[in-house]
Amino acid sequence: MKFAGVIGFKVLNEIRPSVWQPTIIERMYRGDVNRVSRRNRSSDKVNDDMTISNEIEILADAYAFQNFQNIQYVAWLGAKWKVGSVSVEPPRLILEIGGVYNGETGPQA
């Protein structure tokens, strides 16, 4: 299965001397979805938590290789998913994604 979507990177920007602010940078990437699996986790909530354990392999550019440690989420199938781990295998990055990402996102178009 093919993948085309946004990946969110959290980077620190110096807004004035010695004052740093985290910012989300979204960039578009293409690649392949290598593994698709889903699991519902029972909880004390009204609705169970859904967790996915998917692997997305992207063709990375220089920015992705220099900032792979800052990858926060992948936008896929209408939601933003947390990136649990990243494997570097040039010229590709392999992203393992899990639960729904609820953190800060990039600017909305």
PDB file of N, CA and C in Angstrom:
ATOM      1  N   MET A   1       0.847  -1.165   0.000  1.00  0.00           N
ATOM      2  CA  MET A   1       0.000   0.000   0.000  1.00  0.00           C
ATOM      3  C   MET A   1       0.899   1.236   0.000  1.00  0.00           C
ATOM      4  N   LYS A   2       0.528   2.238  -0.763  1.00  0.00           N
ATOM      5  CA  LYS A   2       1.312   3.468  -0.859  1.00  0.00           C
ATOM      6  C   LYS A   2       0.903   4.469   0.224  1.00  0.00           C
ATOM      7  N   PHE A   3       1.845   5.322   0.599  1.00  0.00           N
ATOM      8  CA  PHE A   3       1.617   6.371   1.587  1.00  0.00           C
ATOM      9  C   PHE A   3       2.010   7.712   0.983  1.00  0.00           C
ATOM     10  N   ALA A   4       1.194   8.711   1.206  1.00  0.00           N
ATOM     11  CA  ALA A   4       1.523  10.106   0.892  1.00  0.00           C
ATOM     12  C   ALA A   4       0.857  10.933   1.977  1.00  0.00           C
ATOM     13  N   GLY A   5       1.634  11.648   2.758  1.00  0.00           N
ATOM     14  CA  GLY A   5       1.039  12.415   3.838  1.00  0.00           C
ATOM     15  C   GLY A   5       2.040  13.314   4.527  1.00  0.00           C
ATOM     16  N   VAL A   6       1.541  13.990   5.532  1.00  0.00           N
ATOM     17  CA  VAL A   6       2.306  14.976   6.288  1.00  0.00           C
ATOM     18  C   VAL A   6       2.968  14.303   7.480  1.00  0.00           C
ATOM     19  N   ILE A   7       4.194  14.722   7.736  1.00  0.00           N
ATOM     20  CA  ILE A   7       4.913  14.297   8.936  1.00  0.00           C
ATOM     21  C   ILE A   7       5.249  15.554   9.714  1.00  0.00           C
ATOM     22  N   GLY A   8       4.965  15.536  11.024  1.00  0.00           N
ATOM     23  CA  GLY A   8       5.207  16.692  11.887  1.00  0.00           C
ATOM     24  C   GLY A   8       6.496  16.546  12.672  1.00  0.00           C
ATOM     25  N   PHE A   9       7.361  17.556  12.579  1.00  0.00           N
ATOM     26  CA  PHE A   9       8.641  17.611  13.296  1.00  0.00           C
ATOM     27  C   PHE A   9       8.555  18.700  14.356  1.00  0.00           C
ATOM     28  N   LYS A  10       8.973  18.409  15.575  1.00  0.00           N
ATOM     29  CA  LYS A  10       9.012  19.433  16.628  1.00  0.00           C
ATOM     30  C   LYS A  10      10.448  19.929  16.746  1.00  0.00           C
ATOM     31  N   VAL A  11      10.655  21.197  16.395  1.00  0.00           N
ATOM     32  CA  VAL A  11      11.992  21.796  16.451  1.00  0.00           C
ATOM     33  C   VAL A  11      11.972  22.995  17.391  1.00  0.00           C
ATOM     34  N   LEU A  12      13.137  23.322  17.925  1.00  0.00           N
ATOM     35  CA  LEU A  12      13.259  24.482  18.810  1.00  0.00           C
ATOM     36  C   LEU A  12      13.782  25.664  18.015  1.00  0.00           C
ATOM     37  N   ASN A  13      13.123  26.801  18.159  1.00  0.00           N
ATOM     38  CA  ASN A  13      13.542  28.045  17.517  1.00  0.00           C
ATOM     39  C   ASN A  13      13.892  29.057  18.590  1.00  0.00           C
ATOM     40  N   GLU A  14      15.012  29.736  18.400  1.00  0.00           N
ATOM     41  CA  GLU A  14      15.414  30.775  19.338  1.00  0.00           C
ATOM     42  C   GLU A  14      14.671  32.055  18.966  1.00  0.00           C
ATOM     43  N   ILE A  15      13.725  32.473  19.830  1.00  0.00           N
ATOM     44  CA  ILE A  15      12.926  33.657  19.515  1.00  0.00           C
ATOM     45  C   ILE A  15      13.599  34.949  19.988  1.00  0.00           C
ATOM     46  N   ARG A  16      14.457  34.854  20.981  1.00  0.00           N
ATOM     47  CA  ARG A  16      15.356  35.931  21.394  1.00  0.00           C
ATOM     48  C   ARG A  16      16.516  35.254  22.127  1.00  0.00           C
ATOM     49  N   PRO A  17      17.581  35.946  22.373  1.00  0.00           N
ATOM     50  CA  PRO A  17      18.748  35.296  22.975  1.00  0.00           C
ATOM     51  C   PRO A  17      18.384  34.484  24.236  1.00  0.00           C
ATOM     52  N   SER A  18      18.741  33.223  24.194  1.00  0.00           N
ATOM     53  CA  SER A  18      18.535  32.275  25.297  1.00  0.00           C
ATOM     54  C   SER A  18      17.076  31.926  25.563  1.00  0.00           C
ATOM     55  N   VAL A  19      16.158  32.290  24.669  1.00  0.00           N
ATOM     56  CA  VAL A  19      14.744  31.935  24.822  1.00  0.00           C
ATOM     57  C   VAL A  19      14.351  31.077  23.618  1.00  0.00           C
ATOM     58  N   TRP A  20      14.001  29.827  23.902  1.00  0.00           N
ATOM     59  CA  TRP A  20      13.685  28.860  22.855  1.00  0.00           C
ATOM     60  C   TRP A  20      12.220  28.484  22.922  1.00  0.00           C
ATOM     61  N   GLN A  21      11.611  28.336  21.757  1.00  0.00           N
ATOM     62  CA  GLN A  21      10.195  27.975  21.673  1.00  0.00           C
ATOM     63  C   GLN A  21      10.035  26.779  20.729  1.00  0.00           C
ATOM     64  N   PRO A  22       9.341  25.730  21.195  1.00  0.00           N
ATOM     65  CA  PRO A  22       9.108  24.593  20.293  1.00  0.00           C
ATOM     66  C   PRO A  22       8.093  24.964  19.212  1.00  0.00           C
ATOM     67  N   THR A  23       8.368  24.529  18.002  1.00  0.00           N
ATOM     68  CA  THR A  23       7.508  24.797  16.856  1.00  0.00           C
ATOM     69  C   THR A  23       7.350  23.509  16.063  1.00  0.00           C
ATOM     70  N   ILE A  24       6.156  23.270  15.546  1.00  0.00           N
ATOM     71  CA  ILE A  24       5.915  22.104  14.698  1.00  0.00           C
ATOM     72  C   ILE A  24       6.076  22.521  13.233  1.00  0.00           C
ATOM     73  N   ILE A  25       6.899  21.782  12.521  1.00  0.00           N
ATOM     74  CA  ILE A  25       7.092  21.969  11.082  1.00  0.00           C
ATOM     75  C   ILE A  25       6.484  20.746  10.398  1.00  0.00           C
ATOM     76  N   GLU A  26       5.553  20.959   9.490  1.00  0.00           N
ATOM     77  CA  GLU A  26       4.941  19.858   8.749  1.00  0.00           C
ATOM     78  C   GLU A  26       5.541  19.802   7.353  1.00  0.00           C
ATOM     79  N   ARG A  27       5.903  18.593   6.936  1.00  0.00           N
ATOM     80  CA  ARG A  27       6.460  18.383   5.597  1.00  0.00           C
ATOM     81  C   ARG A  27       5.783  17.170   4.971  1.00  0.00           C
ATOM     82  N   MET A  28       5.626  17.212   3.661  1.00  0.00           N
ATOM     83  CA  MET A  28       4.962  16.148   2.912  1.00  0.00           C
ATOM     84  C   MET A  28       5.987  15.097   2.469  1.00  0.00           C
ATOM     85  N   TYR A  29       5.632  13.826   2.650  1.00  0.00           N
ATOM     86  CA  TYR A  29       6.496  12.719   2.227  1.00  0.00           C
ATOM     87  C   TYR A  29       5.666  11.633   1.559  1.00  0.00           C
ATOM     88  N   ARG A  30       6.365  10.807   0.797  1.00  0.00           N
ATOM     89  CA  ARG A  30       5.753   9.655   0.122  1.00  0.00           C
ATOM     90  C   ARG A  30       6.528   8.399   0.488  1.00  0.00           C
ATOM     91  N   GLY A  31       5.826   7.275   0.425  1.00  0.00           N
ATOM     92  CA  GLY A  31       6.489   6.017   0.722  1.00  0.00           C
ATOM     93  C   GLY A  31       5.517   4.858   0.644  1.00  0.00           C
ATOM     94  N   ASP A  32       5.760   3.865   1.479  1.00  0.00           N
ATOM     95  CA  ASP A  32       4.959   2.648   1.506  1.00  0.00           C
ATOM     96  C   ASP A  32       4.503   2.342   2.922  1.00  0.00           C
ATOM     97  N   VAL A  33       3.330   1.726   3.032  1.00  0.00           N
ATOM     98  CA  VAL A  33       2.850   1.215   4.312  1.00  0.00           C
ATOM     99  C   VAL A  33       3.216  -0.266   4.324  1.00  0.00           C
ATOM    100  N   ASN A  34       4.122  -0.647   5.221  1.00  0.00           N
ATOM    101  CA  ASN A  34       4.624  -2.021   5.250  1.00  0.00           C
ATOM    102  C   ASN A  34       3.789  -2.955   6.123  1.00  0.00           C
ATOM    103  N   ARG A  35       3.210  -2.411   7.183  1.00  0.00           N
ATOM    104  CA  ARG A  35       2.444  -3.253   8.113  1.00  0.00           C
ATOM    105  C   ARG A  35       1.243  -2.459   8.593  1.00  0.00           C
ATOM    106  N   VAL A  36       0.090  -3.125   8.622  1.00  0.00           N
ATOM    107  CA  VAL A  36      -1.139  -2.498   9.108  1.00  0.00           C
ATOM    108  C   VAL A  36      -1.758  -3.434  10.135  1.00  0.00           C
ATOM    109  N   SER A  37      -1.908  -2.955  11.362  1.00  0.00           N
ATOM    110  CA  SER A  37      -2.601  -3.731  12.394  1.00  0.00           C
ATOM    111  C   SER A  37      -3.255  -2.767  13.374  1.00  0.00           C
ATOM    112  N   ARG A  38      -4.288  -3.232  14.033  1.00  0.00           N
ATOM    113  CA  ARG A  38      -5.072  -2.387  14.937  1.00  0.00           C
ATOM    114  C   ARG A  38      -5.479  -3.197  16.149  1.00  0.00           C
ATOM    115  N   ARG A  39      -5.597  -2.507  17.296  1.00  0.00           N
ATOM    116  CA  ARG A  39      -5.977  -3.177  18.530  1.00  0.00           C
ATOM    117  C   ARG A  39      -6.804  -2.222  19.373  1.00  0.00           C
ATOM    118  N   ASN A  40      -7.886  -2.715  19.947  1.00  0.00           N
ATOM    119  CA  ASN A  40      -8.665  -1.935  20.905  1.00  0.00           C
ATOM    120  C   ASN A  40      -8.189  -2.297  22.295  1.00  0.00           C
ATOM    121  N   ARG A  41      -7.975  -1.284  23.098  1.00  0.00           N
ATOM    122  CA  ARG A  41      -7.499  -1.480  24.457  1.00  0.00           C
ATOM    123  C   ARG A  41      -8.635  -1.123  25.403  1.00  0.00           C
ATOM    124  N   SER A  42      -9.083  -2.077  26.172  1.00  0.00           N
ATOM    125  CA  SER A  42     -10.170  -1.829  27.123  1.00  0.00           C
ATOM    126  C   SER A  42      -9.692  -0.915  28.236  1.00  0.00           C
ATOM    127  N   SER A  43     -10.601  -0.055  28.678  1.00  0.00           N
ATOM    128  CA  SER A  43     -10.269   0.868  29.758  1.00  0.00           C
ATOM    129  C   SER A  43     -11.542   1.190  30.534  1.00  0.00           C
ATOM    130  N   ASP A  44     -11.410   2.052  31.518  1.00  0.00           N
ATOM    131  CA  ASP A  44     -12.552   2.470  32.321  1.00  0.00           C
ATOM    132  C   ASP A  44     -13.340   3.579  31.648  1.00  0.00           C
ATOM    133  N   LYS A  45     -12.964   3.941  30.443  1.00  0.00           N
ATOM    134  CA  LYS A  45     -13.637   5.000  29.713  1.00  0.00           C
ATOM    135  C   LYS A  45     -14.874   4.443  29.022  1.00  0.00           C
ATOM    136  N   VAL A  46     -15.720   5.337  28.557  1.00  0.00           N
ATOM    137  CA  VAL A  46     -16.920   4.937  27.832  1.00  0.00           C
ATOM    138  C   VAL A  46     -16.534   4.220  26.539  1.00  0.00           C
ATOM    139  N   ASN A  47     -15.560   4.785  25.827  1.00  0.00           N
ATOM    140  CA  ASN A  47     -15.087   4.180  24.578  1.00  0.00           C
ATOM    141  C   ASN A  47     -13.688   3.626  24.781  1.00  0.00           C
ATOM    142  N   ASP A  48     -13.426   2.459  24.226  1.00  0.00           N
ATOM    143  CA  ASP A  48     -12.097   1.873  24.299  1.00  0.00           C
ATOM    144  C   ASP A  48     -11.108   2.715  23.501  1.00  0.00           C
ATOM    145  N   ASP A  49      -9.838   2.674  23.912  1.00  0.00           N
ATOM    146  CA  ASP A  49      -8.779   3.349  23.170  1.00  0.00           C
ATOM    147  C   ASP A  49      -8.356   2.463  22.010  1.00  0.00           C
ATOM    148  N   MET A  50      -8.204   3.065  20.838  1.00  0.00           N
ATOM    149  CA  MET A  50      -7.734   2.322  19.685  1.00  0.00           C
ATOM    150  C   MET A  50      -6.255   2.602  19.501  1.00  0.00           C
ATOM    151  N   THR A  51      -5.479   1.553  19.341  1.00  0.00           N
ATOM    152  CA  THR A  51      -4.056   1.677  19.092  1.00  0.00           C
ATOM    153  C   THR A  51      -3.740   0.950  17.801  1.00  0.00           C
ATOM    154  N   ILE A  52      -2.932   1.590  16.970  1.00  0.00           N
ATOM    155  CA  ILE A  52      -2.493   0.911  15.772  1.00  0.00           C
ATOM    156  C   ILE A  52      -1.009   0.607  15.922  1.00  0.00           C
ATOM    157  N   SER A  53      -0.550  -0.367  15.207  1.00  0.00           N
ATOM    158  CA  SER A  53       0.859  -0.730  15.216  1.00  0.00           C
ATOM    159  C   SER A  53       1.268  -0.899  13.768  1.00  0.00           C
ATOM    160  N   ASN A  54       1.420   0.221  13.106  1.00  0.00           N
ATOM    161  CA  ASN A  54       1.716   0.213  11.685  1.00  0.00           C
ATOM    162  C   ASN A  54       3.136   0.676  11.436  1.00  0.00           C
ATOM    163  N   GLU A  55       3.633   0.296  10.277  1.00  0.00           N
ATOM    164  CA  GLU A  55       4.975   0.688   9.878  1.00  0.00           C
ATOM    165  C   GLU A  55       4.889   1.391   8.534  1.00  0.00           C
ATOM    166  N   ILE A  56       5.373   2.634   8.505  1.00  0.00           N
ATOM    167  CA  ILE A  56       5.375   3.424   7.281  1.00  0.00           C
ATOM    168  C   ILE A  56       6.826   3.714   6.924  1.00  0.00           C
ATOM    169  N   GLU A  57       7.168   3.429   5.687  1.00  0.00           N
ATOM    170  CA  GLU A  57       8.523   3.631   5.191  1.00  0.00           C
ATOM    171  C   GLU A  57       8.488   4.798   4.211  1.00  0.00           C
ATOM    172  N   ILE A  58       9.263   5.847   4.496  1.00  0.00           N
ATOM    173  CA  ILE A  58       9.255   7.018   3.611  1.00  0.00           C
ATOM    174  C   ILE A  58      10.601   7.163   2.911  1.00  0.00           C
ATOM    175  N   LEU A  59      10.550   7.754   1.737  1.00  0.00           N
ATOM    176  CA  LEU A  59      11.764   8.144   1.039  1.00  0.00           C
ATOM    177  C   LEU A  59      12.166   9.498   1.618  1.00  0.00           C
ATOM    178  N   ALA A  60      13.256   9.527   2.361  1.00  0.00           N
ATOM    179  CA  ALA A  60      13.611  10.707   3.145  1.00  0.00           C
ATOM    180  C   ALA A  60      14.513  11.657   2.367  1.00  0.00           C
ATOM    181  N   ASP A  61      14.358  12.942   2.669  1.00  0.00           N
ATOM    182  CA  ASP A  61      15.249  13.959   2.133  1.00  0.00           C
ATOM    183  C   ASP A  61      16.259  14.342   3.218  1.00  0.00           C
ATOM    184  N   ALA A  62      17.128  15.299   2.907  1.00  0.00           N
ATOM    185  CA  ALA A  62      18.157  15.716   3.860  1.00  0.00           C
ATOM    186  C   ALA A  62      17.543  16.234   5.165  1.00  0.00           C
ATOM    187  N   TYR A  63      16.426  16.969   5.057  1.00  0.00           N
ATOM    188  CA  TYR A  63      15.770  17.497   6.264  1.00  0.00           C
ATOM    189  C   TYR A  63      15.326  16.359   7.184  1.00  0.00           C
ATOM    190  N   ALA A  64      14.702  15.340   6.617  1.00  0.00           N
ATOM    191  CA  ALA A  64      14.223  14.211   7.424  1.00  0.00           C
ATOM    192  C   ALA A  64      15.378  13.481   8.099  1.00  0.00           C
ATOM    193  N   PHE A  65      16.486  13.280   7.386  1.00  0.00           N
ATOM    194  CA  PHE A  65      17.641  12.605   7.993  1.00  0.00           C
ATOM    195  C   PHE A  65      18.256  13.436   9.110  1.00  0.00           C
ATOM    196  N   GLN A  66      18.311  14.754   8.947  1.00  0.00           N
ATOM    197  CA  GLN A  66      18.912  15.613   9.961  1.00  0.00           C
ATOM    198  C   GLN A  66      18.002  15.793  11.172  1.00  0.00           C
ATOM    199  N   ASN A  67      16.693  15.575  10.999  1.00  0.00           N
ATOM    200  CA  ASN A  67      15.738  15.834  12.079  1.00  0.00           C
ATOM    201  C   ASN A  67      14.888  14.627  12.445  1.00  0.00           C
ATOM    202  N   PHE A  68      15.323  13.416  12.118  1.00  0.00           N
ATOM    203  CA  PHE A  68      14.489  12.238  12.390  1.00  0.00           C
ATOM    204  C   PHE A  68      14.164  12.088  13.869  1.00  0.00           C
ATOM    205  N   GLN A  69      15.050  12.555  14.743  1.00  0.00           N
ATOM    206  CA  GLN A  69      14.810  12.449  16.184  1.00  0.00           C
ATOM    207  C   GLN A  69      13.694  13.386  16.643  1.00  0.00           C
ATOM    208  N   ASN A  70      13.286  14.334  15.799  1.00  0.00           N
ATOM    209  CA  ASN A  70      12.244  15.300  16.153  1.00  0.00           C
ATOM    210  C   ASN A  70      10.872  14.946  15.590  1.00  0.00           C
ATOM    211  N   ILE A  71      10.750  13.804  14.915  1.00  0.00           N
ATOM    212  CA  ILE A  71       9.459  13.438  14.325  1.00  0.00           C
ATOM    213  C   ILE A  71       8.460  13.127  15.444  1.00  0.00           C
ATOM    214  N   GLN A  72       7.304  13.795  15.397  1.00  0.00           N
ATOM    215  CA  GLN A  72       6.274  13.641  16.419  1.00  0.00           C
ATOM    216  C   GLN A  72       5.082  12.823  15.935  1.00  0.00           C
ATOM    217  N   TYR A  73       4.629  13.078  14.700  1.00  0.00           N
ATOM    218  CA  TYR A  73       3.409  12.425  14.226  1.00  0.00           C
ATOM    219  C   TYR A  73       3.413  12.249  12.717  1.00  0.00           C
ATOM    220  N   VAL A  74       2.509  11.366  12.277  1.00  0.00           N
ATOM    221  CA  VAL A  74       2.249  11.125  10.861  1.00  0.00           C
ATOM    222  C   VAL A  74       0.753  11.309  10.651  1.00  0.00           C
ATOM    223  N   ALA A  75       0.377  12.101   9.660  1.00  0.00           N
ATOM    224  CA  ALA A  75      -1.032  12.252   9.299  1.00  0.00           C
ATOM    225  C   ALA A  75      -1.357  11.164   8.279  1.00  0.00           C
ATOM    226  N   TRP A  76      -2.316  10.296   8.647  1.00  0.00           N
ATOM    227  CA  TRP A  76      -2.644   9.154   7.796  1.00  0.00           C
ATOM    228  C   TRP A  76      -4.075   8.722   8.087  1.00  0.00           C
ATOM    229  N   LEU A  77      -4.838   8.447   7.080  1.00  0.00           N
ATOM    230  CA  LEU A  77      -6.225   7.984   7.198  1.00  0.00           C
ATOM    231  C   LEU A  77      -7.087   8.941   8.020  1.00  0.00           C
ATOM    232  N   GLY A  78      -6.876  10.233   7.854  1.00  0.00           N
ATOM    233  CA  GLY A  78      -7.722  11.233   8.493  1.00  0.00           C
ATOM    234  C   GLY A  78      -7.407  11.535   9.942  1.00  0.00           C
ATOM    235  N   ALA A  79      -6.295  11.010  10.468  1.00  0.00           N
ATOM    236  CA  ALA A  79      -5.916  11.283  11.861  1.00  0.00           C
ATOM    237  C   ALA A  79      -4.411  11.493  11.935  1.00  0.00           C
ATOM    238  N   LYS A  80      -3.971  12.040  13.054  1.00  0.00           N
ATOM    239  CA  LYS A  80      -2.540  12.185  13.305  1.00  0.00           C
ATOM    240  C   LYS A  80      -2.152  11.127  14.327  1.00  0.00           C
ATOM    241  N   TRP A  81      -1.109  10.347  13.996  1.00  0.00           N
ATOM    242  CA  TRP A  81      -0.690   9.209  14.812  1.00  0.00           C
ATOM    243  C   TRP A  81       0.705   9.456  15.374  1.00  0.00           C
ATOM    244  N   LYS A  82       0.909   9.085  16.658  1.00  0.00           N
ATOM    245  CA  LYS A  82       2.203   9.225  17.318  1.00  0.00           C
ATOM    246  C   LYS A  82       3.229   8.321  16.661  1.00  0.00           C
ATOM    247  N   VAL A  83       4.427   8.836  16.515  1.00  0.00           N
ATOM    248  CA  VAL A  83       5.537   8.022  16.021  1.00  0.00           C
ATOM    249  C   VAL A  83       6.271   7.481  17.240  1.00  0.00           C
ATOM    250  N   GLY A  84       6.281   6.152  17.359  1.00  0.00           N
ATOM    251  CA  GLY A  84       6.921   5.506  18.498  1.00  0.00           C
ATOM    252  C   GLY A  84       8.408   5.300  18.308  1.00  0.00           C
ATOM    253  N   SER A  85       8.819   4.968  17.091  1.00  0.00           N
ATOM    254  CA  SER A  85      10.236   4.778  16.821  1.00  0.00           C
ATOM    255  C   SER A  85      10.522   5.047  15.351  1.00  0.00           C
ATOM    256  N   VAL A  86      11.787   5.371  15.098  1.00  0.00           N
ATOM    257  CA  VAL A  86      12.245   5.649  13.736  1.00  0.00           C
ATOM    258  C   VAL A  86      13.516   4.842  13.504  1.00  0.00           C
ATOM    259  N   SER A  87      13.543   4.083  12.412  1.00  0.00           N
ATOM    260  CA  SER A  87      14.753   3.359  11.997  1.00  0.00           C
ATOM    261  C   SER A  87      15.321   4.050  10.768  1.00  0.00           C
ATOM    262  N   VAL A  88      16.626   4.294  10.795  1.00  0.00           N
ATOM    263  CA  VAL A  88      17.288   4.958   9.691  1.00  0.00           C
ATOM    264  C   VAL A  88      17.909   3.894   8.793  1.00  0.00           C
ATOM    265  N   GLU A  89      17.415   3.803   7.573  1.00  0.00           N
ATOM    266  CA  GLU A  89      17.936   2.868   6.584  1.00  0.00           C
ATOM    267  C   GLU A  89      18.017   3.597   5.246  1.00  0.00           C
ATOM    268  N   PRO A  90      19.096   4.409   5.068  1.00  0.00           N
ATOM    269  CA  PRO A  90      19.196   5.252   3.876  1.00  0.00           C
ATOM    270  C   PRO A  90      18.934   4.453   2.590  1.00  0.00           C
ATOM    271  N   PRO A  91      18.170   5.040   1.685  1.00  0.00           N
ATOM    272  CA  PRO A  91      17.642   6.406   1.630  1.00  0.00           C
ATOM    273  C   PRO A  91      16.267   6.537   2.276  1.00  0.00           C
ATOM    274  N   ARG A  92      15.917   5.630   3.180  1.00  0.00           N
ATOM    275  CA  ARG A  92      14.575   5.614   3.764  1.00  0.00           C
ATOM    276  C   ARG A  92      14.614   5.745   5.283  1.00  0.00           C
ATOM    277  N   LEU A  93      13.472   6.204   5.830  1.00  0.00           N
ATOM    278  CA  LEU A  93      13.221   6.152   7.268  1.00  0.00           C
ATOM    279  C   LEU A  93      12.016   5.258   7.466  1.00  0.00           C
ATOM    280  N   ILE A  94      12.081   4.392   8.459  1.00  0.00           N
ATOM    281  CA  ILE A  94      10.962   3.511   8.771  1.00  0.00           C
ATOM    282  C   ILE A  94      10.356   3.985  10.086  1.00  0.00           C
ATOM    283  N   LEU A  95       9.081   4.399  10.020  1.00  0.00           N
ATOM    284  CA  LEU A  95       8.378   4.962  11.172  1.00  0.00           C
ATOM    285  C   LEU A  95       7.383   3.950  11.700  1.00  0.00           C
ATOM    286  N   GLU A  96       7.453   3.650  12.989  1.00  0.00           N
ATOM    287  CA  GLU A  96       6.444   2.812  13.627  1.00  0.00           C
ATOM    288  C   GLU A  96       5.493   3.735  14.349  1.00  0.00           C
ATOM    289  N   ILE A  97       4.211   3.647  13.994  1.00  0.00           N
ATOM    290  CA  ILE A  97       3.227   4.556  14.578  1.00  0.00           C
ATOM    291  C   ILE A  97       2.278   3.791  15.488  1.00  0.00           C
ATOM    292  N   GLY A  98       1.774   4.498  16.502  1.00  0.00           N
ATOM    293  CA  GLY A  98       0.920   3.864  17.504  1.00  0.00           C
ATOM    294  C   GLY A  98      -0.375   4.600  17.703  1.00  0.00           C
ATOM    295  N   GLY A  99      -0.600   5.105  18.906  1.00  0.00           N
ATOM    296  CA  GLY A  99      -1.868   5.734  19.254  1.00  0.00           C
ATOM    297  C   GLY A  99      -2.077   7.089  18.603  1.00  0.00           C
ATOM    298  N   VAL A 100      -3.249   7.634  18.812  1.00  0.00           N
ATOM    299  CA  VAL A 100      -3.608   8.939  18.259  1.00  0.00           C
ATOM    300  C   VAL A 100      -2.755  10.022  18.915  1.00  0.00           C
ATOM    301  N   TYR A 101      -2.259  10.947  18.109  1.00  0.00           N
ATOM    302  CA  TYR A 101      -1.444  12.061  18.582  1.00  0.00           C
ATOM    303  C   TYR A 101      -2.377  13.198  18.992  1.00  0.00           C
ATOM    304  N   ASN A 102      -2.207  13.675  20.227  1.00  0.00           N
ATOM    305  CA  ASN A 102      -3.057  14.751  20.747  1.00  0.00           C
ATOM    306  C   ASN A 102      -2.273  16.010  21.094  1.00  0.00           C
ATOM    307  N   GLY A 103      -1.021  16.063  20.690  1.00  0.00           N
ATOM    308  CA  GLY A 103      -0.186  17.207  21.039  1.00  0.00           C
ATOM    309  C   GLY A 103      -0.327  18.362  20.074  1.00  0.00           C
ATOM    310  N   GLU A 104       0.620  19.266  20.169  1.00  0.00           N
ATOM    311  CA  GLU A 104       0.661  20.458  19.330  1.00  0.00           C
ATOM    312  C   GLU A 104       0.867  20.044  17.871  1.00  0.00           C
ATOM    313  N   THR A 105       0.184  20.748  16.962  1.00  0.00           N
ATOM    314  CA  THR A 105       0.317  20.463  15.530  1.00  0.00           C
ATOM    315  C   THR A 105       0.779  21.711  14.798  1.00  0.00           C
ATOM    316  N   GLY A 106       1.084  21.533  13.535  1.00  0.00           N
ATOM    317  CA  GLY A 106       1.551  22.645  12.714  1.00  0.00           C
ATOM    318  C   GLY A 106       0.422  23.594  12.359  1.00  0.00           C
ATOM    319  N   PRO A 107       0.779  24.695  11.708  1.00  0.00           N
ATOM    320  CA  PRO A 107      -0.243  25.673  11.316  1.00  0.00           C
ATOM    321  C   PRO A 107      -1.260  25.054  10.358  1.00  0.00           C
ATOM    322  N   GLN A 108      -2.507  25.379  10.565  1.00  0.00           N
ATOM    323  CA  GLN A 108      -3.576  24.839   9.716  1.00  0.00           C
ATOM    324  C   GLN A 108      -3.722  25.704   8.492  1.00  0.00           C
ATOM    325  N   ALA A 109      -3.828  25.066   7.337  1.00  0.00           N
ATOM    326  CA  ALA A 109      -3.948  25.805   6.080  1.00  0.00           C
ATOM    327  C   ALA A 109      -5.354  26.303   5.875  1.00  0.00           C
TER     328      ALA A 109
END
